Amino acid sequence: MEIKQDWKEKGYVDEAVDASLDLKAEIRRLCREKDAVVLAHYYTVGDIQDVADFVGDSLALAREAADTDARVMVMCGVHFMAETCKLLSPTKTVLCPDLTAGCSLADSCRADDLRRFKEQHPGYQVVSYVNTTAAVKALTDCVVTSGNAKRVIDSFPPDAKIIFGPDRNLGDYLNSVTGRDMLLWNGGCHVHEKFGVDVIMKLRRLHPQAVVMAHLECKAPVLALADVKGSTAAMLAYVRAHPETTEYIVATEAGILHELERAHPAATFYPVPPEVSEGGPGCACNECEYMKKNTLRKVYLTLKYGWPTVEVDPAIAADAVKPIERMLRI
């Protein structure tokens, strides 16, 4: 089917959809028809998570998709996640509902900048957070997730010279728990950078029995207040393992609350608002606008037209998959 030029320019299929259409049912029908699976990150809206075949963090989703027999995968997240899917499933078609769904963290480390930095620091190995582009992964010796980062760093010799990037907060945390002195790239996630100590302390005074959970992309003072520090998967695992706990203060992107509430319906989850709220006084949301570009309408149209597809240059892909494979071996 021919793709309109204005769709190409926008980066997503944009056409009117009959308001009476049951989009969730249509998405499931198209998945059966086209041998496709829908992958949804924890930070997407609840409707997307409800219709997905798999819900998880970025690397877990890519691995789930690679293990299926489906020929097509729709990655509802951000662009680098779709790239990772393509790296692990090069023969499959990878669709991205909106090519303009970027990532502030991935954007904070450009491949050309990292290449120059490596040249300035000979003898260093590069460990990159999985939240990076394929081009950056191609310049990386090993990748990590927030869930396995300490284990991977611990596998390096004690005297190894390491450049860690792009998330300086995760890198700072890893230095503190491993005793390393890694050279940190100065990047960060615009969502997690907005969490502050004062807001969490206020919520703690209001809910003294609540367990505070914070993602490792948060700043060190925020992590110092947390009872549970870890990835989104670690937060979910903790909630499932502690049915006796009925109140949580959650410092990560608000989309995770949908899965947390499904995991523990009897608990109350309080999202930590940004330190400086762009939504004005009383706004309790800290959301990634890129993740929220994924909508049911876009997923439906993406499946209907089989576009936008995500490709990775074969020369880049050949190098980019190596640090992922090294991590998986560890």
Protein backbone atom coordinates (compact mmCIF):
# COMPACT_ATOMS: atom_id res chain seq x y z
CA MET A 1 0.00 0.00 0.00
CA GLU A 2 1.37 3.40 -0.98
CA ILE A 3 2.45 5.62 1.89
CA LYS A 4 1.35 9.25 1.58
CA GLN A 5 4.10 11.86 1.54
CA ASP A 6 2.57 13.86 4.40
CA TRP A 7 2.52 10.70 6.54
CA LYS A 8 6.22 10.23 5.86
CA GLU A 9 6.91 13.80 6.88
CA LYS A 10 4.92 13.46 10.09
CA GLY A 11 6.50 10.13 10.98
CA TYR A 12 3.19 8.39 11.62
CA VAL A 13 -0.01 7.46 9.79
CA ASP A 14 -2.55 10.23 10.23
CA GLU A 15 -6.08 9.68 9.05
CA ALA A 16 -9.55 9.80 10.53
CA VAL A 17 -10.87 6.65 12.18
CA ASP A 18 -14.56 5.84 12.63
CA ALA A 19 -15.40 6.80 16.22
CA SER A 20 -17.63 3.73 16.57
CA LEU A 21 -14.73 1.38 15.85
CA ASP A 22 -13.60 -0.80 18.76
CA LEU A 23 -9.90 -0.09 18.37
CA LYS A 24 -8.76 -2.72 20.85
CA ALA A 25 -10.73 -5.42 19.05
CA GLU A 26 -9.49 -4.20 15.67
CA ILE A 27 -5.88 -4.23 16.85
CA ARG A 28 -6.24 -7.82 18.05
CA ARG A 29 -7.90 -8.77 14.74
CA LEU A 30 -5.07 -7.21 12.73
CA CYS A 31 -2.49 -8.96 14.89
CA ARG A 32 -4.05 -12.30 14.02
CA GLU A 33 -4.36 -11.36 10.35
CA LYS A 34 -0.79 -10.08 10.01
CA ASP A 35 0.96 -12.44 12.41
CA ALA A 36 1.95 -9.56 14.65
CA VAL A 37 2.57 -8.93 18.34
CA VAL A 38 2.18 -5.66 20.22
CA LEU A 39 4.88 -4.72 22.72
CA ALA A 40 4.12 -2.00 25.28
CA HIS A 41 6.54 -0.30 27.61
CA TYR A 42 5.46 0.30 31.21
CA TYR A 43 5.39 4.05 30.55
CA THR A 44 2.77 3.96 27.79
CA VAL A 45 -0.88 4.71 28.57
CA GLY A 46 -3.03 2.03 30.17
CA ASP A 47 -5.10 1.35 27.05
CA ILE A 48 -1.94 0.45 25.14
CA GLN A 49 -0.75 -1.85 27.91
CA ASP A 50 -4.17 -3.54 28.05
CA VAL A 51 -4.12 -4.43 24.35
CA ALA A 52 -0.48 -5.55 24.23
CA ASP A 53 0.81 -9.11 23.98
CA PHE A 54 3.77 -8.21 26.19
CA VAL A 55 4.28 -5.39 28.71
CA GLY A 56 7.70 -4.67 30.11
CA ASP A 57 10.87 -2.61 29.96
CA SER A 58 12.72 -2.07 26.71
CA LEU A 59 15.20 -4.96 26.58
CA ALA A 60 12.76 -7.49 28.06
CA LEU A 61 10.27 -6.60 25.32
CA ALA A 62 12.87 -7.02 22.58
CA ARG A 63 13.83 -10.42 23.95
CA GLU A 64 10.19 -11.52 24.27
CA ALA A 65 9.55 -10.55 20.65
CA ALA A 66 12.66 -12.36 19.46
CA ASP A 67 11.41 -15.53 21.13
CA THR A 68 8.04 -15.48 19.40
CA ASP A 69 7.24 -16.87 15.95
CA ALA A 70 5.42 -13.67 14.95
CA ARG A 71 6.67 -12.06 11.75
CA VAL A 72 5.73 -8.51 12.78
CA MET A 73 6.19 -6.60 16.01
CA VAL A 74 4.74 -3.23 16.97
CA MET A 75 7.00 -1.53 19.50
CA CYS A 76 4.93 0.90 21.59
CA GLY A 77 7.64 2.84 23.33
CA VAL A 78 10.28 5.15 21.88
CA HIS A 79 12.46 4.93 18.80
CA PHE A 80 15.60 3.40 20.31
CA MET A 81 13.46 0.55 21.69
CA ALA A 82 12.25 -0.28 18.19
CA GLU A 83 15.89 -0.27 17.06
CA THR A 84 16.77 -2.74 19.80
CA CYS A 85 13.94 -5.00 18.61
CA LYS A 86 15.36 -4.88 15.10
CA LEU A 87 18.85 -5.68 16.37
CA LEU A 88 17.60 -8.83 18.12
CA SER A 89 15.12 -9.77 15.35
CA PRO A 90 16.78 -8.64 12.10
CA THR A 91 14.56 -10.77 9.84
CA LYS A 92 11.30 -9.53 11.34
CA THR A 93 9.33 -6.41 10.50
CA VAL A 94 9.48 -3.86 13.31
CA LEU A 95 6.81 -1.18 13.36
CA CYS A 96 6.88 2.00 15.44
CA PRO A 97 3.54 3.84 15.81
CA ASP A 98 5.28 7.23 15.82
CA LEU A 99 8.83 7.73 14.57
CA THR A 100 8.99 11.07 16.38
CA ALA A 101 8.76 9.33 19.77
CA GLY A 102 12.32 10.03 20.83
CA CYS A 103 14.12 9.85 24.18
CA SER A 104 15.88 12.68 25.99
CA LEU A 105 18.34 10.23 27.52
CA ALA A 106 19.28 8.61 24.22
CA ASP A 107 19.50 12.06 22.61
CA SER A 108 21.94 13.20 25.30
CA CYS A 109 24.63 10.94 23.82
CA ARG A 110 25.25 11.25 20.09
CA ALA A 111 27.43 8.71 18.32
CA ASP A 112 29.82 11.31 16.90
CA ASP A 113 30.30 12.86 20.34
CA LEU A 114 30.94 9.48 21.94
CA ARG A 115 33.43 8.57 19.21
CA ARG A 116 35.43 11.74 19.89
CA PHE A 117 35.26 11.14 23.65
CA LYS A 118 36.62 7.62 23.21
CA GLU A 119 39.50 8.99 21.13
CA GLN A 120 40.31 11.40 23.96
CA HIS A 121 40.42 8.54 26.50
CA PRO A 122 42.43 5.66 25.03
CA GLY A 123 42.45 2.47 27.06
CA TYR A 124 38.89 2.94 28.32
CA GLN A 125 36.06 0.51 27.68
CA VAL A 126 32.55 1.87 27.12
CA VAL A 127 29.59 0.55 29.07
CA SER A 128 26.32 2.03 27.85
CA TYR A 129 22.86 1.96 29.31
CA VAL A 130 20.48 0.16 26.98
CA ASN A 131 18.61 3.47 26.56
CA THR A 132 20.81 4.48 23.63
CA THR A 133 20.64 4.50 19.86
CA ALA A 134 21.96 1.64 17.76
CA ALA A 135 24.78 3.91 16.56
CA VAL A 136 25.92 4.45 20.17
CA LYS A 137 25.62 0.74 20.94
CA ALA A 138 27.91 0.12 17.97
CA LEU A 139 30.63 2.12 19.80
CA THR A 140 30.00 0.28 23.08
CA ASP A 141 31.80 -2.69 24.62
CA CYS A 142 28.89 -3.82 26.82
CA VAL A 143 25.40 -2.58 27.55
CA VAL A 144 23.48 -2.74 30.82
CA THR A 145 19.93 -2.35 32.04
CA SER A 146 19.02 -0.63 35.28
CA GLY A 147 18.21 -4.09 36.65
CA ASN A 148 21.53 -5.79 35.87
CA ALA A 149 23.96 -2.85 35.77
CA LYS A 150 25.75 -3.62 39.05
CA ARG A 151 26.21 -7.28 38.13
CA VAL A 152 27.67 -6.33 34.75
CA ILE A 153 30.01 -3.69 36.17
CA ASP A 154 31.18 -6.13 38.85
CA SER A 155 32.19 -8.56 36.07
CA PHE A 156 34.90 -6.15 34.84
CA PRO A 157 38.40 -6.38 36.38
CA PRO A 158 38.83 -4.06 39.37
CA ASP A 159 41.38 -1.94 37.53
CA ALA A 160 39.34 -1.63 34.32
CA LYS A 161 39.02 1.89 32.95
CA ILE A 162 35.36 2.43 32.13
CA ILE A 163 33.38 5.17 30.46
CA PHE A 164 29.76 4.85 31.57
CA GLY A 165 26.91 6.60 29.83
CA PRO A 166 24.73 8.23 29.06
CA ASP A 167 22.87 8.44 32.40
CA ARG A 168 25.06 10.22 34.97
CA ASN A 169 22.60 9.44 37.79
CA LEU A 170 22.72 5.70 37.15
CA GLY A 171 26.48 5.93 36.75
CA ASP A 172 26.83 7.86 40.01
CA TYR A 173 24.77 5.22 41.80
CA LEU A 174 26.89 2.42 40.30
CA ASN A 175 30.11 4.11 41.39
CA SER A 176 28.73 4.32 44.93
CA VAL A 177 27.73 0.64 45.17
CA THR A 178 30.68 -0.88 43.30
CA GLY A 179 33.50 1.30 44.63
CA ARG A 180 34.47 2.17 41.05
CA ASP A 181 35.50 5.53 39.69
CA MET A 182 33.97 5.25 36.24
CA LEU A 183 34.16 8.24 33.94
CA LEU A 184 30.54 9.38 33.58
CA TRP A 185 28.86 10.80 30.52
CA ASN A 186 26.80 13.87 31.37
CA GLY A 187 23.36 12.72 30.22
CA GLY A 188 20.00 12.20 31.86
CA CYS A 189 16.29 11.48 31.50
CA HIS A 190 14.20 14.65 31.52
CA VAL A 191 11.44 12.89 33.48
CA HIS A 192 13.58 11.52 36.29
CA GLU A 193 15.62 14.72 36.53
CA LYS A 194 12.44 16.52 37.67
CA PHE A 195 12.00 14.52 40.88
CA GLY A 196 13.12 16.38 43.99
CA VAL A 197 13.64 15.75 47.69
CA ASP A 198 11.15 18.35 49.00
CA VAL A 199 8.20 16.84 47.12
CA ILE A 200 8.98 13.32 48.35
CA MET A 201 9.40 14.52 51.93
CA LYS A 202 6.00 16.21 51.73
CA LEU A 203 4.39 12.98 50.49
CA ARG A 204 6.13 11.06 53.26
CA ARG A 205 4.66 13.37 55.88
CA LEU A 206 1.21 12.84 54.39
CA HIS A 207 1.66 9.05 54.11
CA PRO A 208 4.13 7.97 56.82
CA GLN A 209 3.46 4.24 56.29
CA ALA A 210 4.16 4.33 52.56
CA VAL A 211 7.16 2.62 50.99
CA VAL A 212 9.14 4.98 48.78
CA MET A 213 10.28 3.52 45.45
CA ALA A 214 12.63 5.36 43.08
CA HIS A 215 14.11 4.51 39.71
CA LEU A 216 17.90 4.48 39.42
CA GLU A 217 17.71 7.28 36.83
CA CYS A 218 16.80 9.64 39.71
CA LYS A 219 19.35 11.95 41.32
CA ALA A 220 21.37 10.73 44.32
CA PRO A 221 19.46 12.80 46.96
CA VAL A 222 16.19 11.27 45.72
CA LEU A 223 17.62 7.73 45.81
CA ALA A 224 18.85 8.37 49.35
CA LEU A 225 15.20 8.74 50.45
CA ALA A 226 14.02 5.56 48.74
CA ASP A 227 13.25 2.29 50.52
CA VAL A 228 13.30 0.49 47.17
CA LYS A 229 15.80 1.56 44.49
CA GLY A 230 15.75 -0.14 41.12
CA SER A 231 14.25 -0.64 37.70
CA THR A 232 10.55 -0.69 36.86
CA ALA A 233 10.73 -4.49 36.90
CA ALA A 234 12.29 -4.38 40.37
CA MET A 235 9.47 -2.16 41.62
CA LEU A 236 6.86 -4.56 40.29
CA ALA A 237 8.66 -7.53 41.81
CA TYR A 238 8.75 -5.82 45.20
CA VAL A 239 5.04 -4.96 45.10
CA ARG A 240 4.11 -8.53 44.16
CA ALA A 241 6.29 -9.90 46.95
CA HIS A 242 4.81 -7.63 49.64
CA PRO A 243 1.01 -7.94 49.64
CA GLU A 244 0.98 -6.66 53.23
CA THR A 245 2.15 -3.21 52.10
CA THR A 246 -0.77 -1.04 51.04
CA GLU A 247 0.80 2.36 50.34
CA TYR A 248 3.59 3.32 47.97
CA ILE A 249 5.20 6.58 46.91
CA VAL A 250 6.52 6.10 43.37
CA ALA A 251 9.28 8.18 41.78
CA THR A 252 9.34 7.16 38.15
CA GLU A 253 7.28 7.87 35.05
CA ALA A 254 3.59 7.70 35.97
CA GLY A 255 2.71 5.07 33.36
CA ILE A 256 4.06 2.35 35.64
CA LEU A 257 1.13 2.90 38.00
CA HIS A 258 -1.16 1.01 35.62
CA GLU A 259 0.85 -2.21 35.99
CA LEU A 260 1.49 -1.64 39.70
CA GLU A 261 -2.24 -1.33 40.34
CA ARG A 262 -2.90 -4.51 38.40
CA ALA A 263 -0.22 -6.28 40.43
CA HIS A 264 -1.63 -5.12 43.79
CA PRO A 265 -5.21 -3.79 43.45
CA ALA A 266 -5.57 -3.34 47.23
CA ALA A 267 -2.65 -0.91 47.45
CA THR A 268 -2.65 2.85 46.90
CA PHE A 269 0.13 4.31 44.78
CA TYR A 270 1.07 7.97 45.03
CA PRO A 271 2.98 9.27 41.99
CA VAL A 272 5.69 11.79 42.85
CA PRO A 273 4.99 15.02 40.96
CA PRO A 274 7.84 16.94 39.34
CA GLU A 275 9.77 19.31 41.58
CA VAL A 276 8.77 22.22 39.35
CA SER A 277 5.42 21.35 37.85
CA GLU A 278 4.89 22.44 34.25
CA GLY A 279 1.21 21.71 34.74
CA GLY A 280 0.86 24.35 37.45
CA PRO A 281 0.15 24.03 41.17
CA GLY A 282 -1.34 20.73 42.20
CA CYS A 283 -0.26 18.80 39.10
CA ALA A 284 0.62 15.28 40.25
CA CYS A 285 1.92 13.95 36.97
CA ASN A 286 5.46 13.39 35.76
CA GLU A 287 5.06 11.87 32.33
CA CYS A 288 7.17 11.27 29.25
CA GLU A 289 5.52 13.05 26.37
CA TYR A 290 7.35 10.78 23.93
CA MET A 291 5.88 7.61 25.43
CA LYS A 292 2.45 9.22 25.33
CA LYS A 293 2.71 9.64 21.55
CA ASN A 294 1.69 5.98 21.37
CA THR A 295 -2.11 5.87 21.04
CA LEU A 296 -4.61 3.18 20.14
CA ARG A 297 -5.42 5.02 16.91
CA LYS A 298 -1.77 5.08 15.85
CA VAL A 299 -1.28 1.41 16.73
CA TYR A 300 -4.37 0.49 14.71
CA LEU A 301 -3.25 2.51 11.67
CA THR A 302 0.31 1.24 11.95
CA LEU A 303 -0.92 -2.34 11.78
CA LYS A 304 -3.38 -1.51 9.02
CA TYR A 305 -0.76 0.04 6.74
CA GLY A 306 2.37 -1.76 7.94
CA TRP A 307 4.18 1.53 8.45
CA PRO A 308 6.28 3.20 9.88
CA THR A 309 8.94 0.52 9.81
CA VAL A 310 12.24 0.78 11.66
CA GLU A 311 15.46 -0.30 10.00
CA VAL A 312 19.05 -0.30 11.24
CA ASP A 313 21.97 0.05 8.86
CA PRO A 314 23.47 -3.46 8.57
CA ALA A 315 27.00 -2.15 9.20
CA ILE A 316 25.86 -0.47 12.43
CA ALA A 317 23.70 -3.45 13.43
CA ALA A 318 26.63 -5.87 13.14
CA ASP A 319 28.52 -3.92 15.82
CA ALA A 320 25.51 -2.79 17.86
CA VAL A 321 24.32 -6.30 18.65
CA LYS A 322 27.71 -7.35 20.09
CA PRO A 323 27.49 -5.41 23.40
CA ILE A 324 23.96 -6.73 23.91
CA GLU A 325 25.15 -10.30 23.39
CA ARG A 326 28.04 -9.71 25.81
CA MET A 327 25.60 -8.48 28.45
CA LEU A 328 23.34 -11.48 27.94
CA ARG A 329 26.32 -13.83 28.39
CA ILE A 330 27.12 -12.13 31.71
